[in-house]
PDB file of N, CA and C in Angstrom:
ATOM      1  N   UNK A   1       0.861  -1.176  -0.005  1.00  0.00           N
ATOM      2  CA  UNK A   1      -0.002   0.013  -0.008  1.00  0.00           C
ATOM      3  C   UNK A   1       0.896   1.242   0.000  1.00  0.00           C
ATOM      4  N   UNK A   2       0.511   2.241  -0.770  1.00  0.00           N
ATOM      5  CA  UNK A   2       1.342   3.459  -0.863  1.00  0.00           C
ATOM      6  C   UNK A   2       1.187   4.304   0.381  1.00  0.00           C
ATOM      7  N   UNK A   3       2.113   5.229   0.548  1.00  0.00           N
ATOM      8  CA  UNK A   3       2.039   6.137   1.691  1.00  0.00           C
ATOM      9  C   UNK A   3       0.773   6.985   1.660  1.00  0.00           C
ATOM     10  N   UNK A   4       0.321   7.355   0.451  1.00  0.00           N
ATOM     11  CA  UNK A   4      -0.901   8.161   0.330  1.00  0.00           C
ATOM     12  C   UNK A   4      -2.096   7.413   0.871  1.00  0.00           C
ATOM     13  N   UNK A   5      -2.159   6.100   0.563  1.00  0.00           N
ATOM     14  CA  UNK A   5      -3.273   5.318   1.085  1.00  0.00           C
ATOM     15  C   UNK A   5      -3.182   5.155   2.606  1.00  0.00           C
ATOM     16  N   UNK A   6      -1.949   5.008   3.086  1.00  0.00           N
ATOM     17  CA  UNK A   6      -1.750   4.868   4.524  1.00  0.00           C
ATOM     18  C   UNK A   6      -2.128   6.153   5.246  1.00  0.00           C
ATOM     19  N   UNK A   7      -1.789   7.290   4.657  1.00  0.00           N
ATOM     20  CA  UNK A   7      -2.139   8.568   5.265  1.00  0.00           C
ATOM     21  C   UNK A   7      -3.665   8.755   5.267  1.00  0.00           C
ATOM     22  N   UNK A   8      -4.286   8.443   4.129  1.00  0.00           N
ATOM     23  CA  UNK A   8      -5.741   8.589   4.032  1.00  0.00           C
ATOM     24  C   UNK A   8      -6.417   7.666   5.037  1.00  0.00           C
ATOM     25  N   UNK A   9      -5.895   6.441   5.174  1.00  0.00           N
ATOM     26  CA  UNK A   9      -6.460   5.493   6.138  1.00  0.00           C
ATOM     27  C   UNK A   9      -6.323   6.034   7.548  1.00  0.00           C
ATOM     28  N   UNK A  10      -5.162   6.588   7.868  1.00  0.00           N
ATOM     29  CA  UNK A  10      -4.921   7.144   9.200  1.00  0.00           C
ATOM     30  C   UNK A  10      -5.832   8.338   9.462  1.00  0.00           C
ATOM     31  N   UNK A  11      -6.000   9.171   8.451  1.00  0.00           N
ATOM     32  CA  UNK A  11      -6.890  10.323   8.601  1.00  0.00           C
ATOM     33  C   UNK A  11      -8.331   9.863   8.825  1.00  0.00           C
ATOM     34  N   UNK A  12      -8.733   8.880   8.043  1.00  0.00           N
ATOM     35  CA  UNK A  12     -10.106   8.344   8.182  1.00  0.00           C
ATOM     36  C   UNK A  12     -10.300   7.779   9.568  1.00  0.00           C
ATOM     37  N   UNK A  13      -9.350   6.997  10.048  1.00  0.00           N
ATOM     38  CA  UNK A  13      -9.435   6.414  11.379  1.00  0.00           C
ATOM     39  C   UNK A  13      -9.518   7.514  12.437  1.00  0.00           C
ATOM     40  N   UNK A  14      -8.720   8.567  12.270  1.00  0.00           N
ATOM     41  CA  UNK A  14      -8.744   9.678  13.237  1.00  0.00           C
ATOM     42  C   UNK A  14     -10.100  10.362  13.239  1.00  0.00           C
ATOM     43  N   UNK A  15     -10.688  10.587  12.046  1.00  0.00           N
ATOM     44  CA  UNK A  15     -12.002  11.184  11.990  1.00  0.00           C
ATOM     45  C   UNK A  15     -13.054  10.310  12.669  1.00  0.00           C
ATOM     46  N   UNK A  16     -13.015   9.020  12.372  1.00  0.00           N
ATOM     47  CA  UNK A  16     -13.981   8.105  12.981  1.00  0.00           C
ATOM     48  C   UNK A  16     -13.841   8.082  14.486  1.00  0.00           C
ATOM     49  N   UNK A  17     -12.630   8.038  14.992  1.00  0.00           N
ATOM     50  CA  UNK A  17     -12.421   8.005  16.435  1.00  0.00           C
ATOM     51  C   UNK A  17     -12.870   9.288  17.097  1.00  0.00           C
ATOM     52  N   UNK A  18     -12.603  10.429  16.432  1.00  0.00           N
ATOM     53  CA  UNK A  18     -13.085  11.724  16.983  1.00  0.00           C
ATOM     54  C   UNK A  18     -14.603  11.756  17.039  1.00  0.00           C
ATOM     55  N   UNK A  19     -15.242  11.304  15.975  1.00  0.00           N
ATOM     56  CA  UNK A  19     -16.705  11.297  15.933  1.00  0.00           C
ATOM     57  C   UNK A  19     -17.247  10.382  17.035  1.00  0.00           C
ATOM     58  N   UNK A  20     -16.634   9.219  17.197  1.00  0.00           N
ATOM     59  CA  UNK A  20     -17.071   8.310  18.236  1.00  0.00           C
ATOM     60  C   UNK A  20     -16.956   8.930  19.621  1.00  0.00           C
ATOM     61  N   UNK A  21     -15.840   9.631  19.879  1.00  0.00           N
ATOM     62  CA  UNK A  21     -15.665  10.314  21.169  1.00  0.00           C
ATOM     63  C   UNK A  21     -16.722  11.389  21.364  1.00  0.00           C
ATOM     64  N   UNK A  22     -16.975  12.159  20.319  1.00  0.00           N
ATOM     65  CA  UNK A  22     -17.983  13.223  20.420  1.00  0.00           C
ATOM     66  C   UNK A  22     -19.380  12.646  20.605  1.00  0.00           C
ATOM     67  N   UNK A  23     -19.682  11.537  19.945  1.00  0.00           N
ATOM     68  CA  UNK A  23     -20.982  10.888  20.133  1.00  0.00           C
ATOM     69  C   UNK A  23     -21.141  10.418  21.586  1.00  0.00           C
ATOM     70  N   UNK A  24     -20.087   9.905  22.156  1.00  0.00           N
ATOM     71  CA  UNK A  24     -20.132   9.492  23.557  1.00  0.00           C
ATOM     72  C   UNK A  24     -20.335  10.683  24.484  1.00  0.00           C
ATOM     73  N   UNK A  25     -19.658  11.792  24.188  1.00  0.00           N
ATOM     74  CA  UNK A  25     -19.846  13.017  24.969  1.00  0.00           C
ATOM     75  C   UNK A  25     -21.271  13.522  24.832  1.00  0.00           C
ATOM     76  N   UNK A  26     -21.795  13.450  23.603  1.00  0.00           N
ATOM     77  CA  UNK A  26     -23.174  13.896  23.361  1.00  0.00           C
ATOM     78  C   UNK A  26     -24.158  13.049  24.196  1.00  0.00           C
ATOM     79  N   UNK A  27     -23.921  11.729  24.258  1.00  0.00           N
ATOM     80  CA  UNK A  27     -24.785  10.856  25.040  1.00  0.00           C
ATOM     81  C   UNK A  27     -24.704  11.224  26.521  1.00  0.00           C
ATOM     82  N   UNK A  28     -23.493  11.494  27.000  1.00  0.00           N
ATOM     83  CA  UNK A  28     -23.309  11.872  28.399  1.00  0.00           C
ATOM     84  C   UNK A  28     -24.034  13.182  28.698  1.00  0.00           C
ATOM     85  N   UNK A  29     -23.919  14.141  27.787  1.00  0.00           N
ATOM     86  CA  UNK A  29     -24.595  15.433  28.002  1.00  0.00           C
ATOM     87  C   UNK A  29     -26.113  15.227  27.947  1.00  0.00           C
ATOM     88  N   UNK A  30     -26.581  14.402  27.019  1.00  0.00           N
ATOM     89  CA  UNK A  30     -28.044  14.138  26.932  1.00  0.00           C
ATOM     90  C   UNK A  30     -28.530  13.502  28.240  1.00  0.00           C
ATOM     91  N   UNK A  31     -27.739  12.606  28.782  1.00  0.00           N
ATOM     92  CA  UNK A  31     -28.106  11.986  30.060  1.00  0.00           C
ATOM     93  C   UNK A  31     -28.131  13.024  31.184  1.00  0.00           C
ATOM     94  N   UNK A  32     -27.159  13.945  31.165  1.00  0.00           N
ATOM     95  CA  UNK A  32     -27.128  15.005  32.181  1.00  0.00           C
ATOM     96  C   UNK A  32     -28.350  15.902  32.078  1.00  0.00           C
ATOM     97  N   UNK A  33     -28.730  16.239  30.850  1.00  0.00           N
ATOM     98  CA  UNK A  33     -29.908  17.088  30.635  1.00  0.00           C
ATOM     99  C   UNK A  33     -31.153  16.361  31.134  1.00  0.00           C
ATOM    100  N   UNK A  34     -31.246  15.075  30.832  1.00  0.00           N
ATOM    101  CA  UNK A  34     -32.397  14.261  31.307  1.00  0.00           C
ATOM    102  C   UNK A  34     -32.453  14.296  32.828  1.00  0.00           C
ATOM    103  N   UNK A  35     -31.300  14.190  33.468  1.00  0.00           N
ATOM    104  CA  UNK A  35     -31.243  14.246  34.938  1.00  0.00           C
ATOM    105  C   UNK A  35     -31.742  15.594  35.479  1.00  0.00           C
ATOM    106  N   UNK A  36     -31.366  16.671  34.789  1.00  0.00           N
ATOM    107  CA  UNK A  36     -31.778  18.004  35.247  1.00  0.00           C
ATOM    108  C   UNK A  36     -33.289  18.145  35.098  1.00  0.00           C
ATOM    109  N   UNK A  37     -33.840  17.671  33.981  1.00  0.00           N
ATOM    110  CA  UNK A  37     -35.300  17.703  33.814  1.00  0.00           C
ATOM    111  C   UNK A  37     -35.983  16.880  34.915  1.00  0.00           C
ATOM    112  N   UNK A  38     -35.390  15.734  35.236  1.00  0.00           N
ATOM    113  CA  UNK A  38     -35.946  14.896  36.318  1.00  0.00           C
ATOM    114  C   UNK A  38     -35.900  15.626  37.645  1.00  0.00           C
ATOM    115  N   UNK A  39     -34.832  16.302  37.897  1.00  0.00           N
ATOM    116  CA  UNK A  39     -34.715  17.084  39.148  1.00  0.00           C
ATOM    117  C   UNK A  39     -35.745  18.205  39.177  1.00  0.00           C
ATOM    118  N   UNK A  40     -35.924  18.888  38.036  1.00  0.00           N
ATOM    119  CA  UNK A  40     -36.926  19.958  37.981  1.00  0.00           C
ATOM    120  C   UNK A  40     -38.321  19.396  38.192  1.00  0.00           C
ATOM    121  N   UNK A  41     -38.585  18.229  37.599  1.00  0.00           N
ATOM    122  CA  UNK A  41     -39.901  17.603  37.772  1.00  0.00           C
ATOM    123  C   UNK A  41     -40.107  17.237  39.240  1.00  0.00           C
ATOM    124  N   UNK A  42     -39.078  16.762  39.875  1.00  0.00           N
ATOM    125  CA  UNK A  42     -39.144  16.422  41.303  1.00  0.00           C
ATOM    126  C   UNK A  42     -39.450  17.622  42.179  1.00  0.00           C
ATOM    127  N   UNK A  43     -39.074  18.798  41.694  1.00  0.00           N
ATOM    128  CA  UNK A  43     -39.323  20.034  42.433  1.00  0.00           C
ATOM    129  C   UNK A  43     -40.691  20.638  42.070  1.00  0.00           C
ATOM    130  N   UNK A  44     -41.441  19.948  41.186  1.00  0.00           N
ATOM    131  CA  UNK A  44     -42.786  20.384  40.874  1.00  0.00           C
ATOM    132  C   UNK A  44     -42.914  21.182  39.579  1.00  0.00           C
ATOM    133  N   UNK A  45     -41.851  21.303  38.810  1.00  0.00           N
ATOM    134  CA  UNK A  45     -41.903  22.044  37.541  1.00  0.00           C
ATOM    135  C   UNK A  45     -42.429  21.124  36.440  1.00  0.00           C
ATOM    136  N   UNK A  46     -43.155  21.705  35.508  1.00  0.00           N
ATOM    137  CA  UNK A  46     -43.693  20.975  34.360  1.00  0.00           C
ATOM    138  C   UNK A  46     -42.593  20.923  33.294  1.00  0.00           C
ATOM    139  N   UNK A  47     -42.071  19.716  33.017  1.00  0.00           N
ATOM    140  CA  UNK A  47     -40.939  19.587  32.110  1.00  0.00           C
ATOM    141  C   UNK A  47     -41.322  19.862  30.666  1.00  0.00           C
ATOM    142  N   UNK A  48     -42.559  19.618  30.293  1.00  0.00           N
ATOM    143  CA  UNK A  48     -42.983  19.911  28.934  1.00  0.00           C
ATOM    144  C   UNK A  48     -42.911  21.423  28.701  1.00  0.00           C
ATOM    145  N   UNK A  49     -43.350  22.186  29.674  1.00  0.00           N
ATOM    146  CA  UNK A  49     -43.305  23.646  29.584  1.00  0.00           C
ATOM    147  C   UNK A  49     -41.852  24.144  29.627  1.00  0.00           C
ATOM    148  N   UNK A  50     -41.029  23.518  30.462  1.00  0.00           N
ATOM    149  CA  UNK A  50     -39.603  23.886  30.513  1.00  0.00           C
ATOM    150  C   UNK A  50     -38.954  23.716  29.137  1.00  0.00           C
ATOM    151  N   UNK A  51     -39.291  22.634  28.453  1.00  0.00           N
ATOM    152  CA  UNK A  51     -38.729  22.379  27.117  1.00  0.00           C
ATOM    153  C   UNK A  51     -39.182  23.450  26.139  1.00  0.00           C
ATOM    154  N   UNK A  52     -40.454  23.902  26.262  1.00  0.00           N
ATOM    155  CA  UNK A  52     -40.918  24.960  25.400  1.00  0.00           C
ATOM    156  C   UNK A  52     -40.201  26.276  25.689  1.00  0.00           C
ATOM    157  N   UNK A  53     -39.969  26.540  26.975  1.00  0.00           N
ATOM    158  CA  UNK A  53     -39.244  27.761  27.371  1.00  0.00           C
ATOM    159  C   UNK A  53     -37.843  27.730  26.787  1.00  0.00           C
ATOM    160  N   UNK A  54     -37.161  26.591  26.876  1.00  0.00           N
ATOM    161  CA  UNK A  54     -35.822  26.451  26.321  1.00  0.00           C
ATOM    162  C   UNK A  54     -35.850  26.727  24.818  1.00  0.00           C
ATOM    163  N   UNK A  55     -36.828  26.157  24.126  1.00  0.00           N
ATOM    164  CA  UNK A  55     -36.936  26.355  22.661  1.00  0.00           C
ATOM    165  C   UNK A  55     -37.183  27.816  22.345  1.00  0.00           C
ATOM    166  N   UNK A  56     -38.043  28.489  23.123  1.00  0.00           N
ATOM    167  CA  UNK A  56     -38.312  29.898  22.885  1.00  0.00           C
ATOM    168  C   UNK A  56     -37.084  30.765  23.118  1.00  0.00           C
ATOM    169  N   UNK A  57     -36.317  30.437  24.126  1.00  0.00           N
ATOM    170  CA  UNK A  57     -35.117  31.237  24.424  1.00  0.00           C
ATOM    171  C   UNK A  57     -34.064  31.148  23.338  1.00  0.00           C
ATOM    172  N   UNK A  58     -34.121  30.076  22.527  1.00  0.00           N
ATOM    173  CA  UNK A  58     -33.169  29.922  21.426  1.00  0.00           C
ATOM    174  C   UNK A  58     -33.512  30.837  20.251  1.00  0.00           C
ATOM    175  N   UNK A  59     -34.733  31.339  20.212  1.00  0.00           N
ATOM    176  CA  UNK A  59     -35.174  32.168  19.092  1.00  0.00           C
ATOM    177  C   UNK A  59     -35.044  33.655  19.441  1.00  0.00           C
ATOM    178  N   UNK A  60     -34.836  34.458  18.411  1.00  0.00           N
ATOM    179  CA  UNK A  60     -34.778  35.891  18.685  1.00  0.00           C
ATOM    180  C   UNK A  60     -36.209  36.439  18.794  1.00  0.00           C
ATOM    181  N   UNK A  61     -36.320  37.658  19.326  1.00  0.00           N
ATOM    182  CA  UNK A  61     -37.618  38.237  19.612  1.00  0.00           C
ATOM    183  C   UNK A  61     -38.487  38.349  18.376  1.00  0.00           C
ATOM    184  N   UNK A  62     -37.906  38.760  17.243  1.00  0.00           N
ATOM    185  CA  UNK A  62     -38.673  38.910  16.003  1.00  0.00           C
ATOM    186  C   UNK A  62     -39.270  37.586  15.547  1.00  0.00           C
ATOM    187  N   UNK A  63     -38.475  36.532  15.633  1.00  0.00           N
ATOM    188  CA  UNK A  63     -38.933  35.208  15.242  1.00  0.00           C
ATOM    189  C   UNK A  63     -40.083  34.733  16.136  1.00  0.00           C
ATOM    190  N   UNK A  64     -39.946  34.981  17.444  1.00  0.00           N
ATOM    191  CA  UNK A  64     -41.026  34.609  18.375  1.00  0.00           C
ATOM    192  C   UNK A  64     -42.297  35.376  18.078  1.00  0.00           C
ATOM    193  N   UNK A  65     -42.172  36.671  17.827  1.00  0.00           N
ATOM    194  CA  UNK A  65     -43.356  37.490  17.543  1.00  0.00           C
ATOM    195  C   UNK A  65     -44.052  37.014  16.266  1.00  0.00           C
ATOM    196  N   UNK A  66     -43.245  36.713  15.279  1.00  0.00           N
ATOM    197  CA  UNK A  66     -43.785  36.212  13.995  1.00  0.00           C
ATOM    198  C   UNK A  66     -44.559  34.904  14.190  1.00  0.00           C
ATOM    199  N   UNK A  67     -43.969  33.995  14.957  1.00  0.00           N
ATOM    200  CA  UNK A  67     -44.642  32.705  15.192  1.00  0.00           C
ATOM    201  C   UNK A  67     -45.911  32.889  16.023  1.00  0.00           C
ATOM    202  N   UNK A  68     -45.866  33.773  17.009  1.00  0.00           N
ATOM    203  CA  UNK A  68     -47.061  34.056  17.809  1.00  0.00           C
ATOM    204  C   UNK A  68     -48.185  34.612  16.951  1.00  0.00           C
ATOM    205  N   UNK A  69     -47.848  35.511  16.031  1.00  0.00           N
ATOM    206  CA  UNK A  69     -48.845  36.102  15.135  1.00  0.00           C
ATOM    207  C   UNK A  69     -49.461  35.041  14.253  1.00  0.00           C
ATOM    208  N   UNK A  70     -48.646  34.161  13.704  1.00  0.00           N
ATOM    209  CA  UNK A  70     -49.162  33.085  12.850  1.00  0.00           C
ATOM    210  C   UNK A  70     -50.031  32.131  13.671  1.00  0.00           C
ATOM    211  N   UNK A  71     -49.579  31.785  14.850  1.00  0.00           N
ATOM    212  CA  UNK A  71     -50.350  30.895  15.726  1.00  0.00           C
ATOM    213  C   UNK A  71     -51.708  31.533  16.037  1.00  0.00           C
ATOM    214  N   UNK A  72     -51.726  32.799  16.414  1.00  0.00           N
ATOM    215  CA  UNK A  72     -52.984  33.495  16.689  1.00  0.00           C
ATOM    216  C   UNK A  72     -53.895  33.505  15.473  1.00  0.00           C
ATOM    217  N   UNK A  73     -53.337  33.699  14.291  1.00  0.00           N
ATOM    218  CA  UNK A  73     -54.109  33.679  13.047  1.00  0.00           C
ATOM    219  C   UNK A  73     -54.778  32.331  12.855  1.00  0.00           C
ATOM    220  N   UNK A  74     -54.001  31.259  13.050  1.00  0.00           N
ATOM    221  CA  UNK A  74     -54.544  29.921  12.886  1.00  0.00           C
ATOM    222  C   UNK A  74     -55.624  29.634  13.934  1.00  0.00           C
ATOM    223  N   UNK A  75     -55.345  29.992  15.196  1.00  0.00           N
ATOM    224  CA  UNK A  75     -56.325  29.767  16.246  1.00  0.00           C
ATOM    225  C   UNK A  75     -57.628  30.521  15.992  1.00  0.00           C
ATOM    226  N   UNK A  76     -57.492  31.751  15.517  1.00  0.00           N
ATOM    227  CA  UNK A  76     -58.677  32.546  15.192  1.00  0.00           C
ATOM    228  C   UNK A  76     -59.456  31.889  14.049  1.00  0.00           C
ATOM    229  N   UNK A  77     -58.748  31.426  13.025  1.00  0.00           N
ATOM    230  CA  UNK A  77     -59.402  30.785  11.871  1.00  0.00           C
ATOM    231  C   UNK A  77     -60.138  29.508  12.298  1.00  0.00           C
ATOM    232  N   UNK A  78     -59.633  28.848  13.312  1.00  0.00           N
ATOM    233  CA  UNK A  78     -60.277  27.627  13.811  1.00  0.00           C
ATOM    234  C   UNK A  78     -61.328  27.893  14.860  1.00  0.00           C
ATOM    235  N   UNK A  79     -61.540  29.166  15.211  1.00  0.00           N
ATOM    236  CA  UNK A  79     -62.531  29.528  16.208  1.00  0.00           C
ATOM    237  C   UNK A  79     -62.090  29.234  17.620  1.00  0.00           C
ATOM    238  N   UNK A  80     -60.797  29.107  17.839  1.00  0.00           N
ATOM    239  CA  UNK A  80     -60.288  28.771  19.170  1.00  0.00           C
ATOM    240  C   UNK A  80     -60.026  30.039  19.989  1.00  0.00           C
ATOM    241  N   UNK A  81     -59.910  31.191  19.341  1.00  0.00           N
ATOM    242  CA  UNK A  81     -59.827  32.488  20.022  1.00  0.00           C
ATOM    243  C   UNK A  81     -60.726  33.452  19.265  1.00  0.00           C
ATOM    244  N   UNK A  82     -61.187  34.473  19.967  1.00  0.00           N
ATOM    245  CA  UNK A  82     -62.130  35.402  19.349  1.00  0.00           C
ATOM    246  C   UNK A  82     -61.470  36.596  18.688  1.00  0.00           C
ATOM    247  N   UNK A  83     -60.413  37.103  19.294  1.00  0.00           N
ATOM    248  CA  UNK A  83     -59.773  38.316  18.793  1.00  0.00           C
ATOM    249  C   UNK A  83     -58.834  38.013  17.647  1.00  0.00           C
ATOM    250  N   UNK A  84     -59.089  38.577  16.450  1.00  0.00           N
ATOM    251  CA  UNK A  84     -58.130  38.370  15.358  1.00  0.00           C
ATOM    252  C   UNK A  84     -56.786  39.024  15.707  1.00  0.00           C
ATOM    253  N   UNK A  85     -55.695  38.479  15.225  1.00  0.00           N
ATOM    254  CA  UNK A  85     -54.356  38.976  15.567  1.00  0.00           C
ATOM    255  C   UNK A  85     -54.150  40.434  15.237  1.00  0.00           C
ATOM    256  N   UNK A  86     -54.738  40.950  14.158  1.00  0.00           N
ATOM    257  CA  UNK A  86     -54.503  42.348  13.778  1.00  0.00           C
ATOM    258  C   UNK A  86     -55.325  43.332  14.607  1.00  0.00           C
ATOM    259  N   UNK A  87     -56.213  42.823  15.456  1.00  0.00           N
ATOM    260  CA  UNK A  87     -57.040  43.713  16.287  1.00  0.00           C
ATOM    261  C   UNK A  87     -56.398  43.937  17.661  1.00  0.00           C
ATOM    262  N   UNK A  88     -55.238  43.351  17.902  1.00  0.00           N
ATOM    263  CA  UNK A  88     -54.623  43.468  19.223  1.00  0.00           C
ATOM    264  C   UNK A  88     -53.809  44.706  19.362  1.00  0.00           C
TER     265      UNK A  88
END
């Protein structure tokens, strides 16, 4: 086998090993997050709502406002709320 193939093989192995390590770290972090949600639930917090809060905090204010307006439009169209979004 030529040196080029050996180098490519070594690089490939290094990439695979790095990915495997990162996947293991990701699993560990996911387990830690699960534990924190469990702790919050044990303290009486609603974990489903906590997850929504986390998702909302990832978005900027403009994106949240846009989604809220669309949600209100859909809810109004389905008769689930009375006030149309543009009347607020």
